[in-house]
C-alpha atoms as a PDB file:
ATOM      1  CA  MET A   1      68.582 116.988  98.469  1.00  0.00           C
ATOM      2  CA  ASN A   2      68.045 113.429  97.252  1.00  0.00           C
ATOM      3  CA  GLN A   3      69.351 112.406  93.878  1.00  0.00           C
ATOM      4  CA  TYR A   4      68.116 109.491  91.831  1.00  0.00           C
ATOM      5  CA  PHE A   5      69.478 107.163  89.190  1.00  0.00           C
ATOM      6  CA  SER A   6      67.002 105.600  86.801  1.00  0.00           C
ATOM      7  CA  THR A   7      67.042 103.141  83.932  1.00  0.00           C
ATOM      8  CA  TYR A   8      64.567 101.388  81.679  1.00  0.00           C
ATOM      9  CA  ASP A   9      66.950  98.437  81.234  1.00  0.00           C
ATOM     10  CA  LEU A  10      65.848  95.304  83.136  1.00  0.00           C
ATOM     11  CA  GLY A  11      69.325  93.772  82.928  1.00  0.00           C
ATOM     12  CA  LEU A  12      71.003  96.830  84.438  1.00  0.00           C
ATOM     13  CA  ALA A  13      68.343  97.095  87.137  1.00  0.00           C
ATOM     14  CA  THR A  14      68.887  93.428  87.989  1.00  0.00           C
ATOM     15  CA  VAL A  15      72.633  93.955  88.294  1.00  0.00           C
ATOM     16  CA  LEU A  16      72.174  97.020  90.513  1.00  0.00           C
ATOM     17  CA  VAL A  17      69.783  95.169  92.834  1.00  0.00           C
ATOM     18  CA  THR A  18      72.217  92.248  92.991  1.00  0.00           C
ATOM     19  CA  LEU A  19      75.036  94.629  93.879  1.00  0.00           C
ATOM     20  CA  GLY A  20      72.936  95.965  96.768  1.00  0.00           C
ATOM     21  CA  TYR A  21      71.769  99.319  95.432  1.00  0.00           C
ATOM     22  CA  LYS A  22      68.430 100.462  96.852  1.00  0.00           C
ATOM     23  CA  LEU A  23      65.541 100.245  94.373  1.00  0.00           C
ATOM     24  CA  LEU A  24      63.139 103.018  95.349  1.00  0.00           C
ATOM     25  CA  GLU A  25      60.308 102.490  92.878  1.00  0.00           C
ATOM     26  CA  LEU A  26      59.116 101.082  89.607  1.00  0.00           C
ATOM     27  CA  ASP A  27      57.641 103.933  87.598  1.00  0.00           C
ATOM     28  CA  LYS A  28      54.861 102.460  85.445  1.00  0.00           C
ATOM     29  CA  THR A  29      53.437 105.748  84.136  1.00  0.00           C
ATOM     30  CA  ASN A  30      54.468 104.764  80.592  1.00  0.00           C
ATOM     31  CA  SER A  31      52.279 101.801  79.633  1.00  0.00           C
ATOM     32  CA  LYS A  32      54.950 100.427  77.271  1.00  0.00           C
ATOM     33  CA  LYS A  33      57.935 100.328  79.631  1.00  0.00           C
ATOM     34  CA  VAL A  34      58.941 100.498  83.287  1.00  0.00           C
ATOM     35  CA  ARG A  35      61.489 102.900  84.737  1.00  0.00           C
ATOM     36  CA  PHE A  36      63.544 101.536  87.626  1.00  0.00           C
ATOM     37  CA  VAL A  37      64.425 104.303  90.091  1.00  0.00           C
ATOM     38  CA  PHE A  38      67.374 103.876  92.461  1.00  0.00           C
ATOM     39  CA  ARG A  39      68.879 106.093  95.099  1.00  0.00           C
ATOM     40  CA  GLU A  40      72.054 107.614  93.642  1.00  0.00           C
ATOM     41  CA  GLU A  41      74.852 106.178  95.740  1.00  0.00           C
ATOM     42  CA  LYS A  42      78.610 106.090  95.519  1.00  0.00           C
ATOM     43  CA  GLY A  43      79.718 103.683  92.815  1.00  0.00           C
ATOM     44  CA  ILE A  44      76.403 103.337  90.973  1.00  0.00           C
ATOM     45  CA  ASN A  45      77.675 105.101  87.842  1.00  0.00           C
ATOM     46  CA  GLN A  46      80.765 102.873  87.774  1.00  0.00           C
ATOM     47  CA  ALA A  47      78.535  99.805  88.170  1.00  0.00           C
ATOM     48  CA  MET A  48      76.517 100.998  85.167  1.00  0.00           C
ATOM     49  CA  LEU A  49      79.683 101.452  83.097  1.00  0.00           C
ATOM     50  CA  ASP A  50      80.962  98.036  84.154  1.00  0.00           C
ATOM     51  CA  TYR A  51      77.623  96.521  83.097  1.00  0.00           C
ATOM     52  CA  TRP A  52      77.729  98.129  79.658  1.00  0.00           C
ATOM     53  CA  ASN A  53      81.404  97.147  79.230  1.00  0.00           C
ATOM     54  CA  ASP A  54      80.632  93.518  80.198  1.00  0.00           C
ATOM     55  CA  GLU A  55      82.925  93.675  83.231  1.00  0.00           C
ATOM     56  CA  ILE A  56      80.422  92.537  85.887  1.00  0.00           C
ATOM     57  CA  LYS A  57      80.983  89.214  87.634  1.00  0.00           C
ATOM     58  CA  LEU A  58      78.028  88.133  89.803  1.00  0.00           C
ATOM     59  CA  PRO A  59      76.613  84.850  91.131  1.00  0.00           C
ATOM     60  CA  ALA A  60      74.293  83.598  88.385  1.00  0.00           C
ATOM     61  CA  GLN A  61      71.620  82.159  90.678  1.00  0.00           C
ATOM     62  CA  THR A  62      71.356  85.389  92.688  1.00  0.00           C
ATOM     63  CA  LEU A  63      71.220  87.426  89.487  1.00  0.00           C
ATOM     64  CA  PHE A  64      68.388  85.349  88.007  1.00  0.00           C
ATOM     65  CA  ASN A  65      66.455  85.284  91.288  1.00  0.00           C
ATOM     66  CA  ASN A  66      66.622  89.084  91.415  1.00  0.00           C
ATOM     67  CA  GLN A  67      65.497  89.329  87.798  1.00  0.00           C
ATOM     68  CA  LYS A  68      62.534  87.063  88.575  1.00  0.00           C
ATOM     69  CA  MET A  69      61.667  89.274  91.567  1.00  0.00           C
ATOM     70  CA  LEU A  70      61.774  92.406  89.407  1.00  0.00           C
ATOM     71  CA  LYS A  71      59.589  90.815  86.731  1.00  0.00           C
ATOM     72  CA  ASN A  72      57.084  89.818  89.422  1.00  0.00           C
ATOM     73  CA  ARG A  73      57.012  93.422  90.616  1.00  0.00           C
ATOM     74  CA  ILE A  74      56.577  94.712  87.048  1.00  0.00           C
ATOM     75  CA  TYR A  75      53.581  92.512  86.368  1.00  0.00           C
ATOM     76  CA  SER A  76      51.937  92.848  89.771  1.00  0.00           C
ATOM     77  CA  ASP A  77      49.082  95.304  90.233  1.00  0.00           C
ATOM     78  CA  ALA A  78      50.844  97.156  93.043  1.00  0.00           C
END
């Protein structure tokens, strides 16, 4: 049985993508916000906690490039 981790937070989604977690879909059923759906994998909950506790250290350029990619996906028609 597959399990999923989801968030509406763009910053957290960007961090998870940068850390290599698999983004499965962008759920756009709510016209006011997007839900980022990831495969639940080992360590993803700890990564979320580290994000909220400001304990994440990532390459800035990679982080911003991934955020740009996610924004492009949000605003695309697909």
